[in-house]
N, C-alpha and C. Protein backbone atom coordinates (compact mmCIF):
# COMPACT_ATOMS: atom_id res chain seq x y z
N UNK A 1 -11.48 1.47 -3.42
CA UNK A 1 -10.07 1.17 -3.35
C UNK A 1 -9.29 2.49 -3.27
N UNK A 2 -8.53 2.65 -2.22
CA UNK A 2 -7.79 3.89 -1.99
C UNK A 2 -6.37 3.75 -2.53
N UNK A 3 -6.07 4.50 -3.57
CA UNK A 3 -4.75 4.44 -4.19
C UNK A 3 -3.82 5.53 -3.68
N UNK A 4 -4.26 6.34 -2.72
CA UNK A 4 -3.43 7.43 -2.22
C UNK A 4 -2.17 6.93 -1.52
N UNK A 5 -2.21 5.74 -0.94
CA UNK A 5 -1.01 5.24 -0.28
C UNK A 5 0.04 4.80 -1.29
N UNK A 6 -0.36 4.48 -2.52
CA UNK A 6 0.59 4.10 -3.56
C UNK A 6 1.08 5.31 -4.37
N UNK A 7 0.31 6.39 -4.34
CA UNK A 7 0.66 7.62 -5.07
C UNK A 7 0.60 8.80 -4.11
N UNK A 8 1.58 8.93 -3.22
CA UNK A 8 1.52 10.00 -2.22
C UNK A 8 1.68 11.40 -2.80
N UNK A 9 2.23 11.52 -3.98
CA UNK A 9 2.38 12.84 -4.60
C UNK A 9 1.03 13.45 -4.92
N UNK A 10 0.04 12.62 -5.18
CA UNK A 10 -1.29 13.11 -5.53
C UNK A 10 -2.03 13.71 -4.34
N UNK A 11 -1.55 13.49 -3.13
CA UNK A 11 -2.19 14.09 -1.96
C UNK A 11 -2.03 15.60 -1.95
N UNK A 12 -1.04 16.12 -2.67
CA UNK A 12 -0.81 17.56 -2.71
C UNK A 12 -1.73 18.27 -3.69
N UNK A 13 -2.35 17.54 -4.61
CA UNK A 13 -3.20 18.15 -5.63
C UNK A 13 -4.54 18.54 -5.00
N UNK A 14 -4.89 19.81 -5.18
CA UNK A 14 -6.18 20.28 -4.67
C UNK A 14 -7.03 20.77 -5.84
N UNK A 15 -8.30 20.90 -5.60
CA UNK A 15 -9.26 21.14 -6.68
C UNK A 15 -9.12 22.52 -7.31
N UNK A 16 -8.95 23.56 -6.54
CA UNK A 16 -8.99 24.92 -7.08
C UNK A 16 -7.62 25.50 -7.39
N UNK A 17 -6.56 24.75 -7.18
CA UNK A 17 -5.21 25.27 -7.43
C UNK A 17 -4.55 24.48 -8.55
N UNK A 18 -4.45 25.12 -9.70
CA UNK A 18 -3.89 24.44 -10.86
C UNK A 18 -2.38 24.25 -10.72
N UNK A 19 -1.71 25.09 -9.92
CA UNK A 19 -0.26 24.94 -9.78
C UNK A 19 0.12 23.63 -9.09
N UNK A 20 -0.72 23.12 -8.21
CA UNK A 20 -0.40 21.84 -7.58
C UNK A 20 -0.49 20.70 -8.59
N UNK A 21 -1.44 20.80 -9.51
CA UNK A 21 -1.55 19.80 -10.57
C UNK A 21 -0.36 19.87 -11.51
N UNK A 22 0.06 21.08 -11.88
CA UNK A 22 1.20 21.23 -12.78
C UNK A 22 2.48 20.70 -12.14
N UNK A 23 2.66 20.94 -10.86
CA UNK A 23 3.85 20.43 -10.16
C UNK A 23 3.86 18.91 -10.16
N UNK A 24 2.71 18.30 -9.90
CA UNK A 24 2.64 16.83 -9.90
C UNK A 24 2.92 16.27 -11.29
N UNK A 25 2.38 16.90 -12.32
CA UNK A 25 2.60 16.43 -13.69
C UNK A 25 4.08 16.55 -14.06
N UNK A 26 4.70 17.68 -13.72
CA UNK A 26 6.11 17.88 -14.04
C UNK A 26 6.98 16.86 -13.31
N UNK A 27 6.69 16.58 -12.06
CA UNK A 27 7.48 15.60 -11.31
C UNK A 27 7.36 14.22 -11.93
N UNK A 28 6.16 13.81 -12.30
CA UNK A 28 5.99 12.50 -12.93
C UNK A 28 6.73 12.42 -14.27
N UNK A 29 6.68 13.48 -15.06
CA UNK A 29 7.34 13.46 -16.37
C UNK A 29 8.86 13.46 -16.20
N UNK A 30 9.38 14.28 -15.31
CA UNK A 30 10.83 14.33 -15.10
C UNK A 30 11.34 13.00 -14.56
N UNK A 31 10.62 12.39 -13.64
CA UNK A 31 11.05 11.09 -13.11
C UNK A 31 11.07 10.03 -14.21
N UNK A 32 10.08 10.06 -15.08
CA UNK A 32 10.05 9.11 -16.18
C UNK A 32 11.21 9.33 -17.15
N UNK A 33 11.56 10.58 -17.41
CA UNK A 33 12.68 10.89 -18.30
C UNK A 33 14.00 10.44 -17.68
N UNK A 34 14.16 10.64 -16.38
CA UNK A 34 15.40 10.22 -15.71
C UNK A 34 15.55 8.71 -15.78
N UNK A 35 14.49 7.98 -15.55
CA UNK A 35 14.56 6.52 -15.64
C UNK A 35 14.86 6.08 -17.07
N UNK A 36 14.36 6.79 -18.05
CA UNK A 36 14.65 6.46 -19.45
C UNK A 36 16.13 6.70 -19.77
N UNK A 37 16.73 7.76 -19.22
CA UNK A 37 18.16 7.99 -19.43
C UNK A 37 18.99 6.90 -18.78
N UNK A 38 18.60 6.46 -17.60
CA UNK A 38 19.32 5.36 -16.95
C UNK A 38 19.21 4.10 -17.80
N UNK A 39 18.05 3.87 -18.37
CA UNK A 39 17.86 2.72 -19.26
C UNK A 39 18.77 2.83 -20.48
N UNK A 40 18.90 4.02 -21.02
CA UNK A 40 19.75 4.20 -22.21
C UNK A 40 21.21 3.89 -21.90
N UNK A 41 21.67 4.26 -20.71
CA UNK A 41 23.07 4.01 -20.35
C UNK A 41 23.33 2.55 -20.00
N UNK A 42 22.35 1.88 -19.40
CA UNK A 42 22.58 0.51 -18.94
C UNK A 42 22.03 -0.55 -19.88
N UNK A 43 21.50 -0.16 -21.00
CA UNK A 43 20.90 -1.15 -21.90
C UNK A 43 21.94 -2.00 -22.62
N UNK A 44 23.19 -1.59 -22.60
CA UNK A 44 24.23 -2.33 -23.30
C UNK A 44 24.73 -3.54 -22.51
N UNK A 45 24.54 -3.55 -21.21
CA UNK A 45 24.94 -4.68 -20.38
C UNK A 45 23.84 -5.73 -20.46
N UNK A 46 24.18 -6.97 -20.84
CA UNK A 46 23.14 -7.97 -21.15
C UNK A 46 22.12 -8.22 -20.03
N UNK A 47 22.58 -8.63 -18.87
CA UNK A 47 21.63 -9.01 -17.81
C UNK A 47 21.04 -7.78 -17.14
N UNK A 48 21.88 -6.81 -16.86
CA UNK A 48 21.40 -5.61 -16.19
C UNK A 48 20.47 -4.83 -17.11
N UNK A 49 20.74 -4.85 -18.40
CA UNK A 49 19.89 -4.15 -19.35
C UNK A 49 18.47 -4.68 -19.35
N UNK A 50 18.32 -5.98 -19.27
CA UNK A 50 16.97 -6.56 -19.23
C UNK A 50 16.23 -6.19 -17.96
N UNK A 51 16.94 -6.22 -16.84
CA UNK A 51 16.30 -5.84 -15.57
C UNK A 51 15.91 -4.36 -15.56
N UNK A 52 16.79 -3.52 -16.10
CA UNK A 52 16.49 -2.10 -16.14
C UNK A 52 15.33 -1.82 -17.11
N UNK A 53 15.24 -2.57 -18.19
CA UNK A 53 14.10 -2.41 -19.10
C UNK A 53 12.79 -2.74 -18.40
N UNK A 54 12.79 -3.81 -17.62
CA UNK A 54 11.59 -4.19 -16.89
C UNK A 54 11.21 -3.13 -15.87
N UNK A 55 12.19 -2.66 -15.12
CA UNK A 55 11.93 -1.62 -14.11
C UNK A 55 11.46 -0.34 -14.79
N UNK A 56 12.07 0.02 -15.91
CA UNK A 56 11.67 1.22 -16.63
C UNK A 56 10.24 1.12 -17.14
N UNK A 57 9.87 -0.04 -17.65
CA UNK A 57 8.51 -0.24 -18.13
C UNK A 57 7.49 -0.12 -16.99
N UNK A 58 7.78 -0.77 -15.87
CA UNK A 58 6.87 -0.70 -14.73
C UNK A 58 6.79 0.71 -14.16
N UNK A 59 7.92 1.41 -14.12
CA UNK A 59 7.91 2.77 -13.60
C UNK A 59 7.15 3.70 -14.55
N UNK A 60 7.23 3.46 -15.85
CA UNK A 60 6.46 4.25 -16.82
C UNK A 60 4.97 4.08 -16.62
N UNK A 61 4.56 2.85 -16.35
CA UNK A 61 3.13 2.60 -16.07
C UNK A 61 2.73 3.29 -14.77
N UNK A 62 3.61 3.24 -13.75
CA UNK A 62 3.33 3.91 -12.48
C UNK A 62 3.15 5.41 -12.70
N UNK A 63 4.03 6.01 -13.49
CA UNK A 63 3.93 7.45 -13.76
C UNK A 63 2.66 7.78 -14.54
N UNK A 64 2.31 6.96 -15.50
CA UNK A 64 1.09 7.19 -16.28
C UNK A 64 -0.15 7.12 -15.40
N UNK A 65 -0.23 6.12 -14.56
CA UNK A 65 -1.37 5.99 -13.65
C UNK A 65 -1.39 7.15 -12.65
N UNK A 66 -0.22 7.55 -12.17
CA UNK A 66 -0.14 8.69 -11.27
C UNK A 66 -0.62 9.97 -11.92
N UNK A 67 -0.24 10.18 -13.17
CA UNK A 67 -0.73 11.35 -13.90
C UNK A 67 -2.24 11.34 -14.04
N UNK A 68 -2.78 10.21 -14.41
CA UNK A 68 -4.23 10.10 -14.58
C UNK A 68 -4.95 10.34 -13.26
N UNK A 69 -4.45 9.77 -12.19
CA UNK A 69 -5.09 9.96 -10.88
C UNK A 69 -4.97 11.40 -10.40
N UNK A 70 -3.85 12.06 -10.69
CA UNK A 70 -3.69 13.46 -10.30
C UNK A 70 -4.71 14.34 -11.04
N UNK A 71 -4.88 14.07 -12.32
CA UNK A 71 -5.86 14.86 -13.09
C UNK A 71 -7.27 14.59 -12.59
N UNK A 72 -7.59 13.33 -12.30
CA UNK A 72 -8.91 13.01 -11.78
C UNK A 72 -9.16 13.64 -10.42
N UNK A 73 -8.12 13.68 -9.59
CA UNK A 73 -8.29 14.31 -8.28
C UNK A 73 -8.51 15.81 -8.44
N UNK A 74 -7.84 16.43 -9.39
CA UNK A 74 -8.03 17.87 -9.63
C UNK A 74 -9.43 18.15 -10.16
N UNK A 75 -9.91 17.32 -11.05
CA UNK A 75 -11.23 17.53 -11.65
C UNK A 75 -12.34 17.33 -10.62
N UNK A 76 -12.19 16.30 -9.80
CA UNK A 76 -13.22 16.04 -8.79
C UNK A 76 -12.97 16.95 -7.66
């Protein structure tokens, strides 16, 4: 199963260059933090808050899986 089409950022990670791995990790973490800030601002609105919580949760899982795949691609 090829997950590269779902995680295009991981295509930049190469085996012998640690800076490509660090860049991918930083991008995933910063994106997750930005989505969390948006959740904090919109959580007070009843209907929109629930939708943003769901999107934030799914995006957090996406970032976590992306981080794991980036590390695995660097190791292999």
